[in-house]
PDB file of N, CA and C in Angstrom:
ATOM      1  N   MET A   1     105.520  82.441 157.388  1.00  0.00           N
ATOM      2  CA  MET A   1     104.653  82.768 156.388  1.00  0.00           C
ATOM      3  C   MET A   1     103.418  81.586 157.402  1.00  0.00           C
ATOM      4  N   PRO A   2     104.752  80.397 156.971  1.00  0.00           N
ATOM      5  CA  PRO A   2     103.844  78.831 156.827  1.00  0.00           C
ATOM      6  C   PRO A   2     103.162  79.187 158.125  1.00  0.00           C
ATOM      7  N   ALA A   3     103.971  79.388 159.422  1.00  0.00           N
ATOM      8  CA  ALA A   3     103.436  79.330 161.358  1.00  0.00           C
ATOM      9  C   ALA A   3     102.018  80.380 161.001  1.00  0.00           C
ATOM     10  N   SER A   4     102.363  81.019 160.624  1.00  0.00           N
ATOM     11  CA  SER A   4     100.980  82.526 160.719  1.00  0.00           C
ATOM     12  C   SER A   4      99.658  81.416 160.213  1.00  0.00           C
ATOM     13  N   ALA A   5      99.703  80.848 158.611  1.00  0.00           N
ATOM     14  CA  ALA A   5      99.041  80.174 158.301  1.00  0.00           C
ATOM     15  C   ALA A   5      98.442  79.040 159.023  1.00  0.00           C
ATOM     16  N   LEU A   6      99.508  78.113 159.289  1.00  0.00           N
ATOM     17  CA  LEU A   6      98.756  76.901 160.717  1.00  0.00           C
ATOM     18  C   LEU A   6      98.214  77.488 162.072  1.00  0.00           C
ATOM     19  N   THR A   7      98.870  78.823 163.052  1.00  0.00           N
ATOM     20  CA  THR A   7      98.292  79.648 163.687  1.00  0.00           C
ATOM     21  C   THR A   7      96.789  80.054 163.207  1.00  0.00           C
ATOM     22  N   GLY A   8      96.466  80.546 162.498  1.00  0.00           N
ATOM     23  CA  GLY A   8      94.782  81.102 162.005  1.00  0.00           C
ATOM     24  C   GLY A   8      94.339  79.840 161.565  1.00  0.00           C
ATOM     25  N   ALA A   9      94.566  78.742 161.215  1.00  0.00           N
ATOM     26  CA  ALA A   9      93.782  77.450 160.570  1.00  0.00           C
ATOM     27  C   ALA A   9      93.597  77.130 161.808  1.00  0.00           C
ATOM     28  N   LEU A  10      94.673  76.593 163.274  1.00  0.00           N
ATOM     29  CA  LEU A  10      93.998  76.414 164.409  1.00  0.00           C
ATOM     30  C   LEU A  10      93.330  77.491 165.263  1.00  0.00           C
ATOM     31  N   PHE A  11      93.103  78.320 165.280  1.00  0.00           N
ATOM     32  CA  PHE A  11      92.179  79.596 165.858  1.00  0.00           C
ATOM     33  C   PHE A  11      90.941  79.207 165.588  1.00  0.00           C
ATOM     34  N   LEU A  12      91.171  79.429 164.123  1.00  0.00           N
ATOM     35  CA  LEU A  12      89.518  78.788 163.431  1.00  0.00           C
ATOM     36  C   LEU A  12      88.566  77.315 164.231  1.00  0.00           C
ATOM     37  N   LEU A  13      89.892  76.618 164.074  1.00  0.00           N
ATOM     38  CA  LEU A  13      89.247  74.675 164.596  1.00  0.00           C
ATOM     39  C   LEU A  13      88.386  74.958 165.988  1.00  0.00           C
ATOM     40  N   LEU A  14      89.420  76.088 166.728  1.00  0.00           N
ATOM     41  CA  LEU A  14      89.417  76.127 168.706  1.00  0.00           C
ATOM     42  C   LEU A  14      87.977  77.289 168.320  1.00  0.00           C
ATOM     43  N   VAL A  15      88.329  78.523 167.835  1.00  0.00           N
ATOM     44  CA  VAL A  15      87.111  79.161 167.788  1.00  0.00           C
ATOM     45  C   VAL A  15      85.593  78.246 167.256  1.00  0.00           C
ATOM     46  N   ASP A  16      85.918  77.281 166.091  1.00  0.00           N
ATOM     47  CA  ASP A  16      84.171  76.521 165.545  1.00  0.00           C
ATOM     48  C   ASP A  16      83.779  75.580 166.500  1.00  0.00           C
ATOM     49  N   ASN A  17      85.334  74.687 167.418  1.00  0.00           N
ATOM     50  CA  ASN A  17      84.355  73.749 168.298  1.00  0.00           C
ATOM     51  C   ASN A  17      84.080  74.376 169.472  1.00  0.00           C
ATOM     52  N   LEU A  18      84.677  75.985 169.991  1.00  0.00           N
ATOM     53  CA  LEU A  18      84.016  75.967 171.449  1.00  0.00           C
ATOM     54  C   LEU A  18      82.636  76.405 171.079  1.00  0.00           C
ATOM     55  N   SER A  19      82.297  77.262 170.052  1.00  0.00           N
ATOM     56  CA  SER A  19      80.883  77.854 169.151  1.00  0.00           C
ATOM     57  C   SER A  19      80.120  76.934 169.843  1.00  0.00           C
ATOM     58  N   ARG A  20      80.268  75.707 168.863  1.00  0.00           N
ATOM     59  CA  ARG A  20      78.991  74.397 169.429  1.00  0.00           C
ATOM     60  C   ARG A  20      78.894  73.724 170.426  1.00  0.00           C
ATOM     61  N   ALA A  21      80.358  73.781 171.071  1.00  0.00           N
ATOM     62  CA  ALA A  21      79.802  73.794 172.311  1.00  0.00           C
ATOM     63  C   ALA A  21      79.222  74.336 173.340  1.00  0.00           C
ATOM     64  N   ALA A  22      79.206  75.678 173.089  1.00  0.00           N
ATOM     65  CA  ALA A  22      78.517  76.095 174.150  1.00  0.00           C
ATOM     66  C   ALA A  22      76.796  76.360 174.197  1.00  0.00           C
ATOM     67  N   THR A  23      76.370  76.215 173.377  1.00  0.00           N
ATOM     68  CA  THR A  23      75.158  76.102 173.464  1.00  0.00           C
ATOM     69  C   THR A  23      74.438  75.387 172.492  1.00  0.00           C
ATOM     70  N   ALA A  24      73.420  75.384 172.738  1.00  0.00           N
ATOM     71  CA  ALA A  24      72.537  73.699 172.014  1.00  0.00           C
ATOM     72  C   ALA A  24      72.646  74.502 170.474  1.00  0.00           C
ATOM     73  N   MET A  25      72.208  75.618 170.132  1.00  0.00           N
ATOM     74  CA  MET A  25      72.046  76.153 169.299  1.00  0.00           C
ATOM     75  C   MET A  25      73.462  76.437 168.727  1.00  0.00           C
ATOM     76  N   GLU A  26      74.036  76.685 167.291  1.00  0.00           N
ATOM     77  CA  GLU A  26      74.919  76.943 166.764  1.00  0.00           C
ATOM     78  C   GLU A  26      74.917  78.589 166.497  1.00  0.00           C
ATOM     79  N   ILE A  27      76.339  78.522 167.094  1.00  0.00           N
ATOM     80  CA  ILE A  27      76.187  80.514 166.824  1.00  0.00           C
ATOM     81  C   ILE A  27      77.222  80.700 165.605  1.00  0.00           C
ATOM     82  N   PRO A  28      77.282  81.837 164.811  1.00  0.00           N
ATOM     83  CA  PRO A  28      77.755  81.740 163.573  1.00  0.00           C
ATOM     84  C   PRO A  28      79.910  82.038 163.850  1.00  0.00           C
ATOM     85  N   LEU A  29      79.984  81.322 163.667  1.00  0.00           N
ATOM     86  CA  LEU A  29      81.543  81.932 163.523  1.00  0.00           C
ATOM     87  C   LEU A  29      82.227  82.775 163.439  1.00  0.00           C
ATOM     88  N   GLY A  30      81.635  84.096 163.103  1.00  0.00           N
ATOM     89  CA  GLY A  30      81.962  85.435 162.470  1.00  0.00           C
ATOM     90  C   GLY A  30      82.216  85.971 164.057  1.00  0.00           C
ATOM     91  N   ILE A  31      81.370  85.821 163.992  1.00  0.00           N
ATOM     92  CA  ILE A  31      80.226  85.883 166.277  1.00  0.00           C
ATOM     93  C   ILE A  31      81.396  86.206 167.034  1.00  0.00           C
ATOM     94  N   THR A  32      81.512  84.615 166.965  1.00  0.00           N
ATOM     95  CA  THR A  32      82.712  84.267 168.100  1.00  0.00           C
ATOM     96  C   THR A  32      84.138  84.936 167.793  1.00  0.00           C
ATOM     97  N   THR A  33      84.963  84.554 166.385  1.00  0.00           N
ATOM     98  CA  THR A  33      85.054  84.946 165.999  1.00  0.00           C
ATOM     99  C   THR A  33      85.956  85.980 166.320  1.00  0.00           C
ATOM    100  N   SER A  34      85.136  86.813 166.564  1.00  0.00           N
ATOM    101  CA  SER A  34      85.512  88.977 166.684  1.00  0.00           C
ATOM    102  C   SER A  34      85.098  89.334 168.342  1.00  0.00           C
ATOM    103  N   VAL A  35      84.367  88.223 168.592  1.00  0.00           N
ATOM    104  CA  VAL A  35      84.009  88.527 170.181  1.00  0.00           C
ATOM    105  C   VAL A  35      85.702  87.992 171.064  1.00  0.00           C
ATOM    106  N   ILE A  36      85.977  86.828 170.448  1.00  0.00           N
ATOM    107  CA  ILE A  36      87.469  86.410 171.018  1.00  0.00           C
ATOM    108  C   ILE A  36      89.199  87.157 170.217  1.00  0.00           C
ATOM    109  N   GLY A  37      88.795  87.678 169.496  1.00  0.00           N
ATOM    110  CA  GLY A  37      89.621  88.016 168.361  1.00  0.00           C
ATOM    111  C   GLY A  37      90.035  89.656 168.527  1.00  0.00           C
ATOM    112  N   ALA A  38      88.649  90.539 168.712  1.00  0.00           N
ATOM    113  CA  ALA A  38      88.547  91.807 169.107  1.00  0.00           C
ATOM    114  C   ALA A  38      89.729  92.269 170.315  1.00  0.00           C
ATOM    115  N   PRO A  39      89.174  91.410 171.646  1.00  0.00           N
ATOM    116  CA  PRO A  39      90.574  91.921 172.754  1.00  0.00           C
ATOM    117  C   PRO A  39      91.980  91.542 172.610  1.00  0.00           C
ATOM    118  N   LEU A  40      91.947  90.594 172.076  1.00  0.00           N
ATOM    119  CA  LEU A  40      92.890  90.146 171.743  1.00  0.00           C
ATOM    120  C   LEU A  40      94.305  91.013 170.714  1.00  0.00           C
ATOM    121  N   PHE A  41      93.257  91.526 169.896  1.00  0.00           N
ATOM    122  CA  PHE A  41      93.650  92.977 168.641  1.00  0.00           C
ATOM    123  C   PHE A  41      94.343  93.842 169.694  1.00  0.00           C
ATOM    124  N   LEU A  42      93.294  94.442 170.328  1.00  0.00           N
ATOM    125  CA  LEU A  42      93.350  95.763 170.989  1.00  0.00           C
ATOM    126  C   LEU A  42      94.664  95.289 172.061  1.00  0.00           C
ATOM    127  N   LEU A  43      94.947  94.322 172.872  1.00  0.00           N
ATOM    128  CA  LEU A  43      96.186  94.223 173.276  1.00  0.00           C
ATOM    129  C   LEU A  43      97.372  94.022 172.833  1.00  0.00           C
ATOM    130  N   LEU A  44      97.796  93.532 171.230  1.00  0.00           N
ATOM    131  CA  LEU A  44      98.579  93.757 170.315  1.00  0.00           C
ATOM    132  C   LEU A  44      98.534  95.054 170.178  1.00  0.00           C
ATOM    133  N   LEU A  45      97.777  95.700 170.214  1.00  0.00           N
ATOM    134  CA  LEU A  45      98.010  97.638 169.808  1.00  0.00           C
ATOM    135  C   LEU A  45      98.453  98.198 171.048  1.00  0.00           C
ATOM    136  N   LEU A  46      97.700  97.664 171.856  1.00  0.00           N
ATOM    137  CA  LEU A  46      98.711  98.041 173.213  1.00  0.00           C
ATOM    138  C   LEU A  46     100.212  98.060 173.730  1.00  0.00           C
ATOM    139  N   ARG A  47     100.773  96.472 173.394  1.00  0.00           N
ATOM    140  CA  ARG A  47     101.509  96.610 173.630  1.00  0.00           C
ATOM    141  C   ARG A  47     102.437  96.980 172.640  1.00  0.00           C
ATOM    142  N   THR A  48     102.465  97.000 171.366  1.00  0.00           N
ATOM    143  CA  THR A  48     103.201  97.568 170.136  1.00  0.00           C
ATOM    144  C   THR A  48     103.563  99.394 170.595  1.00  0.00           C
ATOM    145  N   LYS A  49     102.350  99.887 171.283  1.00  0.00           N
ATOM    146  CA  LYS A  49     101.900 101.438 171.538  1.00  0.00           C
ATOM    147  C   LYS A  49     103.114 101.632 172.720  1.00  0.00           C
ATOM    148  N   ARG A  50     103.471 100.324 173.141  1.00  0.00           N
ATOM    149  CA  ARG A  50     104.300 100.612 174.793  1.00  0.00           C
ATOM    150  C   ARG A  50     105.619 100.218 174.300  1.00  0.00           C
ATOM    151  N   ALA A  51     106.256  99.330 173.258  1.00  0.00           N
ATOM    152  CA  ALA A  51     106.939  99.140 172.277  1.00  0.00           C
ATOM    153  C   ALA A  51     107.547 100.856 172.186  1.00  0.00           C
ATOM    154  N   TRP A  52     106.767 101.648 171.251  1.00  0.00           N
ATOM    155  CA  TRP A  52     107.618 102.227 170.685  1.00  0.00           C
ATOM    156  C   TRP A  52     107.122 103.913 171.465  1.00  0.00           C
ATOM    157  N   SER A  53     107.105 103.675 172.705  1.00  0.00           N
ATOM    158  CA  SER A  53     107.139 104.822 173.358  1.00  0.00           C
ATOM    159  C   SER A  53     108.872 104.779 173.782  1.00  0.00           C
TER     160      SER A  53
END
């Protein structure tokens, strides 16, 4: 459990830094997180689907 909390916190720090450095204006953190997180979530779903088959 502490490892997942640490991973989540590091992910948000990384996304926040990327969103601030990408453009001159700040992009909301939720938008940047969803753009990066949604493909990763779909990849995890596909991997588990293959493992169950």
